[in-house]
C-alpha atoms as a PDB file:
ATOM      1  CA  MET A   1     -88.075  44.971  23.676  1.00  0.00           C
ATOM      2  CA  HIS A   2     -88.387  48.298  25.454  1.00  0.00           C
ATOM      3  CA  ARG A   3     -87.694  51.352  23.306  1.00  0.00           C
ATOM      4  CA  ASP A   4     -84.851  52.438  25.599  1.00  0.00           C
ATOM      5  CA  PHE A   5     -83.012  49.182  24.863  1.00  0.00           C
ATOM      6  CA  TRP A   6     -82.817  49.893  21.128  1.00  0.00           C
ATOM      7  CA  HIS A   7     -82.051  53.579  21.574  1.00  0.00           C
ATOM      8  CA  ALA A   8     -79.142  52.574  23.823  1.00  0.00           C
ATOM      9  CA  ARG A   9     -77.833  50.065  21.280  1.00  0.00           C
ATOM     10  CA  TRP A  10     -77.706  52.706  18.549  1.00  0.00           C
ATOM     11  CA  ASN A  11     -76.352  55.405  20.872  1.00  0.00           C
ATOM     12  CA  GLN A  12     -73.529  53.083  21.941  1.00  0.00           C
ATOM     13  CA  GLY A  13     -72.869  51.675  18.483  1.00  0.00           C
ATOM     14  CA  GLN A  14     -73.746  48.142  19.606  1.00  0.00           C
ATOM     15  CA  ILE A  15     -75.247  47.102  16.276  1.00  0.00           C
ATOM     16  CA  GLY A  16     -73.898  43.628  15.599  1.00  0.00           C
ATOM     17  CA  PHE A  17     -77.258  42.879  13.980  1.00  0.00           C
ATOM     18  CA  HIS A  18     -76.470  45.301  11.126  1.00  0.00           C
ATOM     19  CA  GLU A  19     -75.427  43.725   7.831  1.00  0.00           C
ATOM     20  CA  GLY A  20     -73.123  45.854   5.718  1.00  0.00           C
ATOM     21  CA  ALA A  21     -74.329  44.418   2.412  1.00  0.00           C
ATOM     22  CA  PRO A  22     -77.722  43.377   1.017  1.00  0.00           C
ATOM     23  CA  ASN A  23     -79.019  40.208   2.633  1.00  0.00           C
ATOM     24  CA  ALA A  24     -78.297  37.045   0.642  1.00  0.00           C
ATOM     25  CA  PHE A  25     -81.868  35.756   0.974  1.00  0.00           C
ATOM     26  CA  LEU A  26     -83.199  39.076  -0.288  1.00  0.00           C
ATOM     27  CA  THR A  27     -80.964  39.160  -3.350  1.00  0.00           C
ATOM     28  CA  ARG A  28     -81.861  35.545  -4.112  1.00  0.00           C
ATOM     29  CA  HIS A  29     -85.627  35.824  -3.659  1.00  0.00           C
ATOM     30  CA  ALA A  30     -86.547  39.479  -4.258  1.00  0.00           C
ATOM     31  CA  ALA A  31     -88.319  38.580  -7.493  1.00  0.00           C
ATOM     32  CA  ARG A  32     -90.739  36.404  -5.521  1.00  0.00           C
ATOM     33  CA  LEU A  33     -91.580  39.292  -3.204  1.00  0.00           C
ATOM     34  CA  ALA A  34     -92.633  42.007  -5.613  1.00  0.00           C
ATOM     35  CA  SER A  35     -93.166  42.869  -9.245  1.00  0.00           C
ATOM     36  CA  ASP A  36     -91.711  46.022 -10.774  1.00  0.00           C
ATOM     37  CA  GLY A  37     -92.673  49.293  -9.149  1.00  0.00           C
ATOM     38  CA  ALA A  38     -94.045  47.909  -5.877  1.00  0.00           C
ATOM     39  CA  ARG A  39     -94.087  49.890  -2.629  1.00  0.00           C
ATOM     40  CA  VAL A  40     -92.235  47.769  -0.084  1.00  0.00           C
ATOM     41  CA  LEU A  41     -92.536  48.126   3.696  1.00  0.00           C
ATOM     42  CA  VAL A  42     -89.425  47.346   5.770  1.00  0.00           C
ATOM     43  CA  PRO A  43     -90.214  47.295   9.522  1.00  0.00           C
ATOM     44  CA  PHE A  44     -87.413  47.939  12.041  1.00  0.00           C
ATOM     45  CA  CYS A  45     -85.183  48.852   9.107  1.00  0.00           C
ATOM     46  CA  GLY A  46     -82.193  50.347  10.923  1.00  0.00           C
ATOM     47  CA  LYS A  47     -79.702  51.573   8.327  1.00  0.00           C
ATOM     48  CA  THR A  48     -79.837  48.371   6.288  1.00  0.00           C
ATOM     49  CA  ARG A  49     -78.421  48.348   2.763  1.00  0.00           C
ATOM     50  CA  ASP A  50     -81.480  46.301   1.839  1.00  0.00           C
ATOM     51  CA  LEU A  51     -83.371  49.583   1.441  1.00  0.00           C
ATOM     52  CA  ALA A  52     -81.049  50.738  -1.322  1.00  0.00           C
ATOM     53  CA  TYR A  53     -81.049  47.291  -2.913  1.00  0.00           C
ATOM     54  CA  LEU A  54     -84.841  47.202  -3.130  1.00  0.00           C
ATOM     55  CA  ALA A  55     -84.858  50.719  -4.576  1.00  0.00           C
ATOM     56  CA  SER A  56     -82.292  49.639  -7.178  1.00  0.00           C
ATOM     57  CA  LEU A  57     -84.814  47.063  -8.411  1.00  0.00           C
ATOM     58  CA  GLY A  58     -87.275  49.834  -9.222  1.00  0.00           C
ATOM     59  CA  HIS A  59     -89.365  49.692  -6.053  1.00  0.00           C
ATOM     60  CA  GLU A  60     -90.445  52.475  -3.728  1.00  0.00           C
ATOM     61  CA  VAL A  61     -89.303  51.599  -0.234  1.00  0.00           C
ATOM     62  CA  VAL A  62     -90.664  52.788   3.100  1.00  0.00           C
ATOM     63  CA  GLY A  63     -88.824  51.741   6.227  1.00  0.00           C
ATOM     64  CA  VAL A  64     -89.966  52.269   9.789  1.00  0.00           C
ATOM     65  CA  GLU A  65     -87.251  52.738  12.397  1.00  0.00           C
ATOM     66  CA  LEU A  66     -87.339  53.712  16.064  1.00  0.00           C
ATOM     67  CA  SER A  67     -83.864  55.263  16.176  1.00  0.00           C
ATOM     68  CA  PRO A  68     -83.267  58.630  14.488  1.00  0.00           C
ATOM     69  CA  ILE A  69     -79.542  57.829  14.596  1.00  0.00           C
ATOM     70  CA  ALA A  70     -80.088  54.737  12.452  1.00  0.00           C
ATOM     71  CA  ALA A  71     -82.320  56.533   9.981  1.00  0.00           C
ATOM     72  CA  GLN A  72     -79.915  59.418   9.476  1.00  0.00           C
ATOM     73  CA  ALA A  73     -76.990  56.995   9.165  1.00  0.00           C
ATOM     74  CA  PHE A  74     -78.629  55.302   6.182  1.00  0.00           C
ATOM     75  CA  PHE A  75     -78.791  58.555   4.254  1.00  0.00           C
ATOM     76  CA  ASP A  76     -75.332  59.702   5.375  1.00  0.00           C
ATOM     77  CA  GLU A  77     -73.759  56.425   4.260  1.00  0.00           C
ATOM     78  CA  SER A  78     -75.626  56.671   0.956  1.00  0.00           C
ATOM     79  CA  SER A  79     -74.356  60.260   0.428  1.00  0.00           C
ATOM     80  CA  LEU A  80     -77.943  61.492   0.344  1.00  0.00           C
ATOM     81  CA  THR A  81     -79.571  64.502   1.993  1.00  0.00           C
ATOM     82  CA  PRO A  82     -83.121  63.549   2.933  1.00  0.00           C
ATOM     83  CA  GLU A  83     -86.109  65.844   2.937  1.00  0.00           C
ATOM     84  CA  ARG A  84     -87.598  65.965   6.432  1.00  0.00           C
ATOM     85  CA  THR A  85     -91.286  66.322   7.158  1.00  0.00           C
ATOM     86  CA  THR A  86     -93.410  65.662  10.213  1.00  0.00           C
ATOM     87  CA  ARG A  87     -96.150  63.074   9.827  1.00  0.00           C
ATOM     88  CA  ALA A  88     -97.270  62.964  13.434  1.00  0.00           C
ATOM     89  CA  PRO A  89     -96.430  61.072  15.487  1.00  0.00           C
ATOM     90  CA  LEU A  90     -93.690  60.015  13.050  1.00  0.00           C
ATOM     91  CA  GLU A  91     -90.977  61.955  11.227  1.00  0.00           C
ATOM     92  CA  SER A  92     -90.331  61.265   7.551  1.00  0.00           C
ATOM     93  CA  LEU A  93     -86.854  61.296   5.996  1.00  0.00           C
ATOM     94  CA  ARG A  94     -87.004  60.844   2.241  1.00  0.00           C
ATOM     95  CA  SER A  95     -84.651  60.894  -0.712  1.00  0.00           C
ATOM     96  CA  ASP A  96     -85.531  59.546  -4.132  1.00  0.00           C
ATOM     97  CA  ALA A  97     -87.262  56.165  -3.792  1.00  0.00           C
ATOM     98  CA  VAL A  98     -86.416  55.567  -0.121  1.00  0.00           C
ATOM     99  CA  GLU A  99     -88.391  56.947   2.815  1.00  0.00           C
ATOM    100  CA  ILE A 100     -87.735  56.142   6.455  1.00  0.00           C
ATOM    101  CA  LEU A 101     -90.414  56.937   9.012  1.00  0.00           C
ATOM    102  CA  VAL A 102     -88.825  57.520  12.404  1.00  0.00           C
ATOM    103  CA  GLY A 103     -90.896  56.396  15.360  1.00  0.00           C
ATOM    104  CA  ASP A 104     -92.673  53.407  16.838  1.00  0.00           C
ATOM    105  CA  PHE A 105     -93.741  50.836  14.245  1.00  0.00           C
ATOM    106  CA  PHE A 106     -97.002  50.336  16.122  1.00  0.00           C
ATOM    107  CA  ASP A 107     -97.873  54.000  15.480  1.00  0.00           C
ATOM    108  CA  ALA A 108     -97.515  53.586  11.698  1.00  0.00           C
ATOM    109  CA  THR A 109    -100.795  53.456   9.780  1.00  0.00           C
ATOM    110  CA  ARG A 110    -101.750  52.979   6.142  1.00  0.00           C
ATOM    111  CA  ALA A 111    -102.084  56.740   5.930  1.00  0.00           C
ATOM    112  CA  HIS A 112     -98.418  57.093   6.907  1.00  0.00           C
ATOM    113  CA  LEU A 113     -97.157  54.323   4.645  1.00  0.00           C
ATOM    114  CA  GLY A 114     -99.076  54.861   1.445  1.00  0.00           C
ATOM    115  CA  GLU A 115    -100.152  51.943  -0.722  1.00  0.00           C
ATOM    116  CA  VAL A 116     -97.642  49.332   0.385  1.00  0.00           C
ATOM    117  CA  THR A 117     -98.220  46.020  -1.375  1.00  0.00           C
ATOM    118  CA  CYS A 118     -95.586  43.866   0.288  1.00  0.00           C
ATOM    119  CA  ALA A 119     -93.156  43.759   3.202  1.00  0.00           C
ATOM    120  CA  TYR A 120     -89.641  42.551   3.878  1.00  0.00           C
ATOM    121  CA  ASP A 121     -88.776  41.518   7.442  1.00  0.00           C
ATOM    122  CA  ARG A 122     -85.219  40.461   8.205  1.00  0.00           C
ATOM    123  CA  ALA A 123     -84.811  41.986  11.643  1.00  0.00           C
ATOM    124  CA  ALA A 124     -88.220  42.836  13.112  1.00  0.00           C
ATOM    125  CA  LEU A 125     -89.935  39.641  14.245  1.00  0.00           C
ATOM    126  CA  VAL A 126     -86.700  38.166  15.619  1.00  0.00           C
ATOM    127  CA  ALA A 127     -86.041  41.386  17.550  1.00  0.00           C
ATOM    128  CA  LEU A 128     -89.219  41.000  19.588  1.00  0.00           C
ATOM    129  CA  PRO A 129     -89.718  38.753  22.617  1.00  0.00           C
ATOM    130  CA  PRO A 130     -92.401  36.082  22.266  1.00  0.00           C
ATOM    131  CA  ASP A 131     -94.981  38.087  24.219  1.00  0.00           C
ATOM    132  CA  MET A 132     -94.836  40.881  21.606  1.00  0.00           C
ATOM    133  CA  GLN A 133     -94.693  38.803  18.440  1.00  0.00           C
ATOM    134  CA  ARG A 134     -98.410  38.235  17.985  1.00  0.00           C
ATOM    135  CA  ARG A 135     -99.128  41.950  18.354  1.00  0.00           C
ATOM    136  CA  TYR A 136     -96.433  42.720  15.784  1.00  0.00           C
ATOM    137  CA  VAL A 137     -97.819  40.237  13.273  1.00  0.00           C
ATOM    138  CA  ALA A 138    -101.370  41.543  13.696  1.00  0.00           C
ATOM    139  CA  HIS A 139    -100.208  45.105  13.055  1.00  0.00           C
ATOM    140  CA  LEU A 140     -98.038  44.136  10.099  1.00  0.00           C
ATOM    141  CA  LEU A 141    -100.900  42.279   8.432  1.00  0.00           C
ATOM    142  CA  SER A 142    -103.249  45.215   9.039  1.00  0.00           C
ATOM    143  CA  LEU A 143    -100.980  47.328   6.825  1.00  0.00           C
ATOM    144  CA  LEU A 144    -101.020  44.975   3.828  1.00  0.00           C
ATOM    145  CA  PRO A 145    -103.749  44.243   1.271  1.00  0.00           C
ATOM    146  CA  ALA A 146    -105.144  40.826   0.417  1.00  0.00           C
ATOM    147  CA  GLY A 147    -102.601  39.158  -1.824  1.00  0.00           C
ATOM    148  CA  GLY A 148     -99.768  41.150  -0.279  1.00  0.00           C
ATOM    149  CA  ARG A 149     -96.543  39.246   0.226  1.00  0.00           C
ATOM    150  CA  ILE A 150     -93.996  39.164   3.020  1.00  0.00           C
ATOM    151  CA  LEU A 151     -90.426  37.953   2.630  1.00  0.00           C
ATOM    152  CA  LEU A 152     -89.572  36.936   6.184  1.00  0.00           C
ATOM    153  CA  VAL A 153     -86.175  35.869   7.497  1.00  0.00           C
ATOM    154  CA  SER A 154     -86.310  33.927  10.756  1.00  0.00           C
ATOM    155  CA  LEU A 155     -83.681  32.553  13.116  1.00  0.00           C
ATOM    156  CA  ASP A 156     -83.977  29.167  14.825  1.00  0.00           C
ATOM    157  CA  TYR A 157     -81.810  27.976  17.721  1.00  0.00           C
ATOM    158  CA  GLU A 158     -82.197  26.253  21.076  1.00  0.00           C
ATOM    159  CA  PRO A 159     -83.394  29.105  23.339  1.00  0.00           C
ATOM    160  CA  SER A 160     -81.614  27.696  26.387  1.00  0.00           C
ATOM    161  CA  ARG A 161     -78.285  28.390  24.663  1.00  0.00           C
ATOM    162  CA  MET A 162     -78.735  32.134  24.169  1.00  0.00           C
ATOM    163  CA  ASP A 163     -80.854  34.978  25.450  1.00  0.00           C
ATOM    164  CA  GLY A 164     -82.359  37.124  22.707  1.00  0.00           C
ATOM    165  CA  PRO A 165     -82.516  39.400  20.923  1.00  0.00           C
ATOM    166  CA  PRO A 166     -82.429  38.094  18.309  1.00  0.00           C
ATOM    167  CA  PHE A 167     -84.982  35.563  19.502  1.00  0.00           C
ATOM    168  CA  SER A 168     -85.457  32.077  18.154  1.00  0.00           C
ATOM    169  CA  VAL A 169     -88.522  31.872  15.908  1.00  0.00           C
ATOM    170  CA  PRO A 170     -88.852  28.254  14.749  1.00  0.00           C
ATOM    171  CA  GLU A 171     -91.191  26.977  12.059  1.00  0.00           C
ATOM    172  CA  ALA A 172     -93.874  26.052  14.588  1.00  0.00           C
ATOM    173  CA  THR A 173     -93.971  29.659  15.774  1.00  0.00           C
ATOM    174  CA  ILE A 174     -94.088  31.012  12.217  1.00  0.00           C
ATOM    175  CA  ARG A 175     -97.078  28.809  11.504  1.00  0.00           C
ATOM    176  CA  ALA A 176     -98.826  29.681  14.767  1.00  0.00           C
ATOM    177  CA  LEU A 177     -98.412  33.397  14.075  1.00  0.00           C
ATOM    178  CA  PHE A 178     -99.282  33.510  10.387  1.00  0.00           C
ATOM    179  CA  GLU A 179    -101.179  30.486   9.115  1.00  0.00           C
ATOM    180  CA  ASP A 180    -104.651  31.805  10.030  1.00  0.00           C
ATOM    181  CA  ARG A 181    -104.137  34.780   7.686  1.00  0.00           C
ATOM    182  CA  CYS A 182    -101.442  33.729   5.212  1.00  0.00           C
ATOM    183  CA  THR A 183    -100.249  30.944   3.000  1.00  0.00           C
ATOM    184  CA  ILE A 184     -96.719  29.972   4.006  1.00  0.00           C
ATOM    185  CA  GLU A 185     -93.958  28.837   1.656  1.00  0.00           C
ATOM    186  CA  HIS A 186     -90.513  27.731   2.802  1.00  0.00           C
ATOM    187  CA  LEU A 187     -87.981  29.277   0.409  1.00  0.00           C
ATOM    188  CA  ASP A 188     -84.496  28.702   1.737  1.00  0.00           C
ATOM    189  CA  ALA A 189     -82.355  27.975   4.782  1.00  0.00           C
ATOM    190  CA  LYS A 190     -78.713  28.114   5.805  1.00  0.00           C
ATOM    191  CA  PRO A 191     -76.561  27.922   8.933  1.00  0.00           C
ATOM    192  CA  SER A 192     -76.184  31.342  10.530  1.00  0.00           C
ATOM    193  CA  ASP A 193     -72.405  31.240  10.687  1.00  0.00           C
ATOM    194  CA  GLU A 194     -71.384  34.862  10.066  1.00  0.00           C
ATOM    195  CA  ARG A 195     -71.230  35.573  13.808  1.00  0.00           C
ATOM    196  CA  PRO A 196     -69.229  33.251  16.101  1.00  0.00           C
ATOM    197  CA  ARG A 197     -71.962  33.116  18.740  1.00  0.00           C
ATOM    198  CA  PHE A 198     -74.586  31.967  16.235  1.00  0.00           C
ATOM    199  CA  ARG A 199     -72.174  29.400  14.835  1.00  0.00           C
ATOM    200  CA  GLU A 200     -71.526  28.042  18.340  1.00  0.00           C
ATOM    201  CA  ILE A 201     -75.209  27.477  19.055  1.00  0.00           C
ATOM    202  CA  GLY A 202     -76.033  26.027  15.630  1.00  0.00           C
ATOM    203  CA  ALA A 203     -78.461  28.780  14.654  1.00  0.00           C
ATOM    204  CA  VAL A 204     -80.225  28.415  11.310  1.00  0.00           C
ATOM    205  CA  GLU A 205     -81.641  31.251   9.205  1.00  0.00           C
ATOM    206  CA  THR A 206     -84.716  30.525   7.102  1.00  0.00           C
ATOM    207  CA  ALA A 207     -86.474  32.537   4.412  1.00  0.00           C
ATOM    208  CA  TRP A 208     -90.258  32.337   4.100  1.00  0.00           C
ATOM    209  CA  LEU A 209     -92.693  33.759   1.578  1.00  0.00           C
ATOM    210  CA  LEU A 210     -96.033  34.626   3.172  1.00  0.00           C
ATOM    211  CA  THR A 211     -99.071  35.664   1.133  1.00  0.00           C
ATOM    212  CA  VAL A 212    -102.001  37.403   2.823  1.00  0.00           C
ATOM    213  CA  ARG A 213    -105.277  35.623   2.107  1.00  0.00           C
ATOM    214  CA  ALA A 214    -108.333  37.520   0.915  1.00  0.00           C
END
């Protein structure tokens, strides 16, 4: 989606996609994602509580978020005062084990992120229209080493019943996007019934574990 779309959503407080507690798939499967002391990348992180949850497990966490409002809100709601530094073209907000890089995810490089070994994606791939998904996946994989893991949460529904975002990303799309570079393991699935609209259209959330091949 266009940058202005997401800036407007945060400016207007239209953030129904935000979860106020750590994601259930993450809490259930975090041990499969990373061993102790990993550096975890969280694309399109918003102000998710998943950042704090991952840090509580002993990981370093680096999120990338377009909206400065979202990034600052994470630290405000955590009662933290972040240290700010410029890492052009991104801005870094950091406190303890959590860093959020503010800017376009596609501008983030390994030099910005440090030695990330895995990634957690609950809200990035599904936020992008189909014509941007392959570019996103290529960039994400370029930031991870061989053997790096991705815990991915996807959403599957009949596209004719709702206009994204979030967009439907069924298993066939997951495989088309990732199987050339990753092994793919289905971990979990459940009806997406927290929001009435998703319940009405029979949306299903699925957790995947992807491992980057050498």
